Each structure stands twice: as C-alpha cells, then as structure tokens.
C-alpha cells in the first residue's frame, strides 16, 4: 500500500487550474441552458484556458456528426481536456520533483 503524499506546489497549481475549468464550465452550461440567445464569452475563455487541447477540440468540432454538435457537448469536451491537462501537469511535476530529489 502506498503512503499518501502531500500535494506540492505543482499539485496545488493543478488543483486550482482544474477548479477554474470546472467553475467556467458550469457557468457556461448554466448560461447555455437558461439564456435565450447566449453569447458565450465564457466558452471562448474556456477554449483559451484549455489551450492547446481546447483549441484542437474547437478546430475538430466541424468533423463531429450532427447529433453531437450540441454546445453543451463542446463545453463538456473542453472541461475534460482541461482536467486531463491538469492531471498530466501534476504527474509531470511529481515525476520531476522525484527525479530531482533522487539526484540530491
């Protein structure tokens, strides 16, 4: 059984980033569901926040079948991309700090 570890600065940064992605995604979904003609600046902010994966998802949006082009699906994909990036950064920082600690 592995010992629980304390989140370092990389883990805290990834946690804050994923929380920001979650908050912006929930706000975008609420706007999409409640406003008659939404102008989603929060969606644009979510694309920029999840760069580079968010931009790739936005570029590939036209390739999806018509049934999946719901804007809520786009927001959920962008949120998933942001969470994946947060996970990947936390793993990378953890691996780099372990490697740096072993050489010292």
Protein backbone atom coordinates (compact mmCIF):
# COMPACT_ATOMS: atom_id res chain seq x y z
CA UNK A 1 0.00 0.00 0.00
CA UNK A 2 1.40 3.39 -0.93
CA UNK A 3 1.75 6.22 1.51
CA UNK A 4 -0.44 9.27 0.91
CA UNK A 5 1.61 12.21 -0.24
CA UNK A 6 1.21 15.89 0.42
CA UNK A 7 0.38 17.93 -2.66
CA UNK A 8 3.31 20.14 -3.58
CA UNK A 9 3.20 23.40 -5.47
CA UNK A 10 2.55 21.54 -8.74
CA UNK A 11 -0.36 19.68 -7.22
CA UNK A 12 -1.85 22.86 -5.81
CA UNK A 13 -1.46 24.58 -9.18
CA UNK A 14 -3.16 21.65 -10.95
CA UNK A 15 -5.96 21.67 -8.37
CA UNK A 16 -6.54 25.41 -8.81
CA UNK A 17 -6.48 25.03 -12.60
CA UNK A 18 -8.99 22.18 -12.58
CA UNK A 19 -11.23 24.16 -10.21
CA UNK A 20 -11.14 27.13 -12.59
CA UNK A 21 -12.00 24.85 -15.51
CA UNK A 22 -14.90 23.37 -13.51
CA UNK A 23 -16.26 26.79 -12.48
CA UNK A 24 -16.05 28.20 -16.00
CA UNK A 25 -17.59 25.05 -17.49
CA UNK A 26 -20.52 25.05 -15.07
CA UNK A 27 -21.10 28.75 -15.70
CA UNK A 28 -21.09 28.13 -19.48
CA UNK A 29 -23.58 25.26 -19.18
CA UNK A 30 -25.90 27.34 -16.97
CA UNK A 31 -25.79 30.19 -19.49
CA UNK A 32 -26.48 27.79 -22.37
CA UNK A 33 -29.47 26.28 -20.56
CA UNK A 34 -31.04 29.50 -19.28
CA UNK A 35 -30.40 32.30 -21.79
CA UNK A 36 -32.45 32.50 -24.98
CA UNK A 37 -29.65 33.67 -27.33
CA UNK A 38 -26.39 33.19 -25.44
CA UNK A 39 -23.23 34.96 -26.50
CA UNK A 40 -20.70 32.73 -24.81
CA UNK A 41 -17.62 34.69 -23.91
CA UNK A 42 -17.14 32.15 -21.15
CA UNK A 43 -16.89 29.45 -23.84
CA UNK A 44 -14.16 31.42 -25.58
CA UNK A 45 -12.41 31.84 -22.24
CA UNK A 46 -12.69 28.08 -21.70
CA UNK A 47 -11.07 27.44 -25.09
CA UNK A 48 -8.18 29.75 -24.19
CA UNK A 49 -7.90 28.28 -20.70
CA UNK A 50 -7.62 24.73 -22.02
CA UNK A 51 -5.11 25.61 -24.77
CA UNK A 52 -3.67 23.60 -26.64
CA UNK A 53 -6.20 20.75 -26.32
CA UNK A 54 -9.16 23.13 -26.21
CA UNK A 55 -8.08 24.76 -29.45
CA UNK A 56 -7.68 21.35 -31.11
CA UNK A 57 -11.17 20.35 -29.97
CA UNK A 58 -12.56 23.61 -31.36
CA UNK A 59 -10.84 23.01 -34.71
CA UNK A 60 -12.14 19.43 -34.90
CA UNK A 61 -15.69 20.46 -33.95
CA UNK A 62 -16.83 20.50 -37.60
CA UNK A 63 -15.79 16.87 -38.04
CA UNK A 64 -18.27 15.56 -35.46
CA UNK A 65 -21.62 14.10 -36.57
CA UNK A 66 -24.58 16.48 -36.49
CA UNK A 67 -26.07 14.81 -33.40
CA UNK A 68 -23.01 15.64 -31.30
CA UNK A 69 -22.73 19.33 -32.22
CA UNK A 70 -24.68 20.40 -29.16
CA UNK A 71 -22.83 23.30 -27.45
CA UNK A 72 -23.14 21.52 -24.10
CA UNK A 73 -21.16 18.60 -25.53
CA UNK A 74 -18.47 21.09 -26.59
CA UNK A 75 -18.28 22.55 -23.08
CA UNK A 76 -18.06 19.05 -21.57
CA UNK A 77 -15.27 18.12 -24.00
CA UNK A 78 -13.38 21.30 -23.12
CA UNK A 79 -13.79 20.58 -19.41
CA UNK A 80 -12.48 17.06 -19.92
CA UNK A 81 -9.50 18.42 -21.85
CA UNK A 82 -8.76 20.86 -19.03
CA UNK A 83 -8.93 18.13 -16.40
CA UNK A 84 -6.68 15.89 -18.48
CA UNK A 85 -4.14 18.72 -18.78
CA UNK A 86 -4.28 19.34 -15.03
CA UNK A 87 -3.69 15.64 -14.37
CA UNK A 88 -0.83 15.48 -16.88
CA UNK A 89 0.89 18.55 -15.40
CA UNK A 90 0.57 17.22 -11.86
CA UNK A 91 2.08 13.87 -12.91
CA UNK A 92 4.91 15.62 -14.77
CA UNK A 93 5.73 17.89 -11.83
CA UNK A 94 5.61 14.95 -9.42
CA UNK A 95 7.96 12.93 -11.62
CA UNK A 96 10.37 15.87 -11.99
CA UNK A 97 10.46 16.54 -8.25
CA UNK A 98 11.11 12.84 -7.53
CA UNK A 99 13.91 12.77 -10.08
CA UNK A 100 15.37 15.99 -8.64
CA UNK A 101 15.16 14.59 -5.10
CA UNK A 102 16.97 11.40 -6.01
CA UNK A 103 19.96 13.22 -7.51
CA UNK A 104 20.44 15.43 -4.43
